[in-house]
Amino acid sequence: MIAYLKGILASTSADHAVIEVGGVGYLVGASSRTLAALGPVGEAVHVHTELLVGEDFQRLVGFASADERDWFRLLTGVQGVGARVALAILSALEPAELNRAVAAQDKAMVARANGVGPKLAERIVRELKDKAGGIVLGPAAAAQAAPVGASADAASALLNLGFRPAEAASAVTAAEEELGAGATLDALVRLALRKAGKK
């Protein structure tokens, strides 16, 4: 599994970038929002990644933030939402907006994305309502750019260990309150696991 790429931005196009890492060029699909965040060609970049594997393909998708990657995973878990549609949604809405749309069951907001009709938008907001708790940890966390990534990564780590989204979000929030805004990912995960284990 490739968790992230750190290298030089070799080129970009409408729907992907090529990132050179150690002399190898990785073609990485991405939302327009991520592509815009990468900066100029020739500069150093760091993207979170998801490797998609099918019977006859392998595709690497990149994200400017861990939040965006986590939303991609949630979106592609909805029936009828493939990688292309998920990236279209993430191009139209940033993670915080998507979180608000799901929380408010605002299907019209999700339907702004290319290729998303009213029925699919309704299915997305309905199916993700109970699953989105571990992605964005509220406006207080969103106001501080650095901790959001660590918080989201910590929540993602707990989700991968089998915790439910609400449990993961609650444990990470409690850990962050105890450790403070500058907490490292490692410290957050360790304390969040202890917090979750007490419930």
Protein backbone atom coordinates (compact mmCIF):
# COMPACT_ATOMS: atom_id res chain seq x y z
CA MET A 1 0.00 0.00 0.00
CA ILE A 2 1.35 3.46 -0.93
CA ALA A 3 0.31 5.92 1.82
CA TYR A 4 1.84 9.06 0.34
CA LEU A 5 4.27 10.40 -2.24
CA LYS A 6 6.91 13.04 -1.57
CA GLY A 7 8.79 14.25 -4.61
CA ILE A 8 8.94 16.80 -7.41
CA LEU A 9 5.91 17.82 -9.46
CA ALA A 10 6.87 16.88 -13.02
CA SER A 11 3.64 17.85 -14.81
CA THR A 12 -0.10 18.35 -14.40
CA SER A 13 -3.16 17.98 -16.62
CA ALA A 14 -6.92 18.40 -16.16
CA ASP A 15 -7.33 15.27 -14.02
CA HIS A 16 -3.90 14.05 -12.94
CA ALA A 17 -0.34 14.97 -12.01
CA VAL A 18 2.99 13.23 -12.54
CA ILE A 19 5.17 13.22 -9.41
CA GLU A 20 8.80 12.17 -9.69
CA VAL A 21 10.08 10.21 -6.70
CA GLY A 22 13.62 8.83 -6.85
CA GLY A 23 13.76 8.97 -10.64
CA VAL A 24 10.34 7.28 -11.10
CA GLY A 25 7.34 9.26 -12.40
CA TYR A 26 4.06 8.34 -10.68
CA LEU A 27 0.86 9.24 -12.53
CA VAL A 28 -1.58 10.32 -9.83
CA GLY A 29 -5.27 11.04 -10.47
CA ALA A 30 -6.59 13.97 -8.45
CA SER A 31 -9.45 16.40 -7.93
CA SER A 32 -9.13 19.88 -9.41
CA ARG A 33 -8.88 21.17 -5.83
CA THR A 34 -5.83 18.99 -5.11
CA LEU A 35 -4.22 19.84 -8.46
CA ALA A 36 -4.61 23.56 -7.69
CA ALA A 37 -3.01 23.06 -4.27
CA LEU A 38 0.11 21.34 -5.64
CA GLY A 39 1.78 24.52 -6.81
CA PRO A 40 4.11 25.05 -9.79
CA VAL A 41 5.83 22.32 -11.81
CA GLY A 42 9.36 21.68 -10.56
CA GLU A 43 8.50 22.29 -6.90
CA ALA A 44 8.51 19.72 -4.09
CA VAL A 45 5.11 18.20 -3.31
CA HIS A 46 3.61 15.85 -0.73
CA VAL A 47 0.34 14.05 -1.48
CA HIS A 48 -1.66 11.46 0.45
CA THR A 49 -2.54 8.56 -1.83
CA GLU A 50 -4.98 5.73 -2.34
CA LEU A 51 -4.12 2.78 -4.61
CA LEU A 52 -7.12 1.46 -6.54
CA VAL A 53 -6.75 -2.10 -7.81
CA GLY A 54 -9.16 -3.86 -10.18
CA GLU A 55 -9.02 -6.99 -12.31
CA ASP A 56 -7.37 -5.18 -15.19
CA PHE A 57 -6.01 -1.94 -13.73
CA GLN A 58 -4.06 -0.23 -10.97
CA ARG A 59 -4.59 3.47 -10.39
CA LEU A 60 -3.02 5.84 -7.90
CA VAL A 61 -5.15 8.73 -6.64
CA GLY A 62 -3.64 11.66 -4.76
CA PHE A 63 -5.01 14.15 -2.24
CA ALA A 64 -3.76 17.44 -0.82
CA SER A 65 -5.01 16.48 2.65
CA ALA A 66 -5.79 13.40 4.70
CA ASP A 67 -9.35 14.74 5.10
CA GLU A 68 -9.87 14.65 1.35
CA ARG A 69 -8.46 11.11 1.13
CA ASP A 70 -10.78 9.93 3.90
CA TRP A 71 -13.79 11.47 2.17
CA PHE A 72 -12.76 9.74 -1.07
CA ARG A 73 -12.80 6.40 0.77
CA LEU A 74 -16.25 7.11 2.20
CA LEU A 75 -17.66 8.30 -1.12
CA THR A 76 -16.41 5.31 -3.09
CA GLY A 77 -18.06 3.05 -0.51
CA VAL A 78 -21.46 4.31 -1.69
CA GLN A 79 -23.09 2.20 -4.41
CA GLY A 80 -22.86 3.97 -7.76
CA VAL A 81 -19.93 6.19 -6.76
CA GLY A 82 -16.71 5.28 -8.52
CA ALA A 83 -13.36 7.04 -8.35
CA ARG A 84 -14.26 9.49 -11.14
CA VAL A 85 -17.51 10.61 -9.48
CA ALA A 86 -15.84 10.84 -6.05
CA LEU A 87 -13.12 13.09 -7.49
CA ALA A 88 -15.78 15.23 -9.21
CA ILE A 89 -17.50 15.70 -5.84
CA LEU A 90 -14.19 16.56 -4.16
CA SER A 91 -13.48 19.04 -6.97
CA ALA A 92 -16.81 20.78 -6.32
CA LEU A 93 -16.78 20.66 -2.51
CA GLU A 94 -13.97 20.87 0.00
CA PRO A 95 -14.10 18.38 2.91
CA ALA A 96 -15.66 20.86 5.36
CA GLU A 97 -18.42 21.70 2.86
CA LEU A 98 -19.04 18.02 2.20
CA ASN A 99 -19.26 17.40 5.93
CA ARG A 100 -21.85 20.16 6.28
CA ALA A 101 -23.84 18.87 3.30
CA VAL A 102 -23.99 15.34 4.74
CA ALA A 103 -24.80 16.55 8.25
CA ALA A 104 -27.63 18.74 6.90
CA GLN A 105 -28.74 16.07 4.38
CA ASP A 106 -28.32 18.75 1.68
CA LYS A 107 -28.48 16.67 -1.50
CA ALA A 108 -28.67 19.78 -3.71
CA MET A 109 -25.19 20.81 -2.53
CA VAL A 110 -23.73 17.40 -3.44
CA ALA A 111 -25.57 17.43 -6.78
CA ARG A 112 -23.51 20.48 -7.83
CA ALA A 113 -20.72 18.07 -8.77
CA ASN A 114 -20.43 16.94 -12.40
CA GLY A 115 -22.04 13.54 -13.00
CA VAL A 116 -24.05 13.53 -9.76
CA GLY A 117 -27.83 13.44 -10.26
CA PRO A 118 -30.47 14.05 -7.57
CA LYS A 119 -30.98 10.33 -6.81
CA LEU A 120 -27.26 9.64 -6.38
CA ALA A 121 -26.83 12.80 -4.28
CA GLU A 122 -29.68 11.67 -2.02
CA ARG A 123 -28.11 8.21 -1.62
CA ILE A 124 -24.73 9.76 -0.77
CA VAL A 125 -26.01 12.06 1.99
CA ARG A 126 -28.28 9.32 3.39
CA GLU A 127 -25.63 6.56 3.47
CA LEU A 128 -22.82 8.77 4.79
CA LYS A 129 -24.79 10.51 7.55
CA ASP A 130 -23.68 7.99 10.21
CA LYS A 131 -20.24 7.35 8.74
CA ALA A 132 -18.86 10.87 8.41
CA GLY A 133 -18.21 11.49 12.13
CA GLY A 134 -14.55 10.49 12.03
CA ILE A 135 -13.55 12.75 9.15
CA VAL A 136 -13.96 16.38 10.18
CA LEU A 137 -13.76 17.02 13.89
CA GLY A 138 -15.68 20.30 13.99
CA PRO A 139 -15.04 24.01 13.38
CA ALA A 140 -12.58 24.39 16.27
CA ALA A 141 -10.24 21.82 14.73
CA ALA A 142 -10.81 23.16 11.23
CA ALA A 143 -9.60 26.59 12.35
CA GLN A 144 -6.13 25.17 13.00
CA ALA A 145 -4.67 23.79 9.79
CA ALA A 146 -1.92 21.58 11.22
CA PRO A 147 -3.91 19.65 13.83
CA VAL A 148 -6.68 18.83 11.35
CA GLY A 149 -4.34 16.58 9.38
CA ALA A 150 -3.05 14.83 12.51
CA SER A 151 -6.58 14.50 13.93
CA ALA A 152 -7.93 13.11 10.66
CA ASP A 153 -5.01 10.69 10.35
CA ALA A 154 -5.49 9.55 13.95
CA ALA A 155 -9.22 9.02 13.38
CA SER A 156 -8.40 7.13 10.18
CA ALA A 157 -5.97 4.91 12.10
CA LEU A 158 -8.68 4.01 14.61
CA LEU A 159 -11.17 3.35 11.81
CA ASN A 160 -8.65 0.97 10.23
CA LEU A 161 -8.42 -0.85 13.57
CA GLY A 162 -12.16 -1.51 13.49
CA PHE A 163 -13.56 1.32 15.61
CA ARG A 164 -16.84 2.90 14.49
CA PRO A 165 -16.54 6.49 13.10
CA ALA A 166 -18.31 8.05 16.08
CA GLU A 167 -16.06 6.16 18.54
CA ALA A 168 -12.92 7.15 16.62
CA ALA A 169 -13.93 10.82 16.43
CA SER A 170 -14.84 10.96 20.10
CA ALA A 171 -11.59 9.30 21.23
CA VAL A 172 -9.40 11.51 19.02
CA THR A 173 -11.21 14.68 20.15
CA ALA A 174 -10.72 13.69 23.80
CA ALA A 175 -7.04 12.91 23.16
CA GLU A 176 -6.52 16.22 21.36
CA GLU A 177 -8.14 18.17 24.21
CA GLU A 178 -5.79 16.50 26.70
CA LEU A 179 -2.60 16.79 24.62
CA GLY A 180 -3.22 20.22 23.10
CA ALA A 181 -3.31 21.49 19.52
CA GLY A 182 0.33 20.71 18.70
CA ALA A 183 0.08 17.00 19.47
CA THR A 184 1.92 14.60 17.16
CA LEU A 185 0.06 11.91 15.24
CA ASP A 186 1.81 9.15 17.23
CA ALA A 187 0.82 10.67 20.58
CA LEU A 188 -2.75 11.29 19.42
CA VAL A 189 -3.21 7.69 18.25
CA ARG A 190 -1.76 6.18 21.43
CA LEU A 191 -3.90 8.30 23.77
CA ALA A 192 -7.01 7.94 21.56
CA LEU A 193 -6.63 4.14 21.72
CA ARG A 194 -6.51 4.31 25.51
CA LYS A 195 -9.55 6.61 25.59
CA ALA A 196 -11.49 4.32 23.24
CA GLY A 197 -10.54 1.28 25.30
CA LYS A 198 -12.11 2.75 28.46
CA LYS A 199 -15.57 2.94 26.90
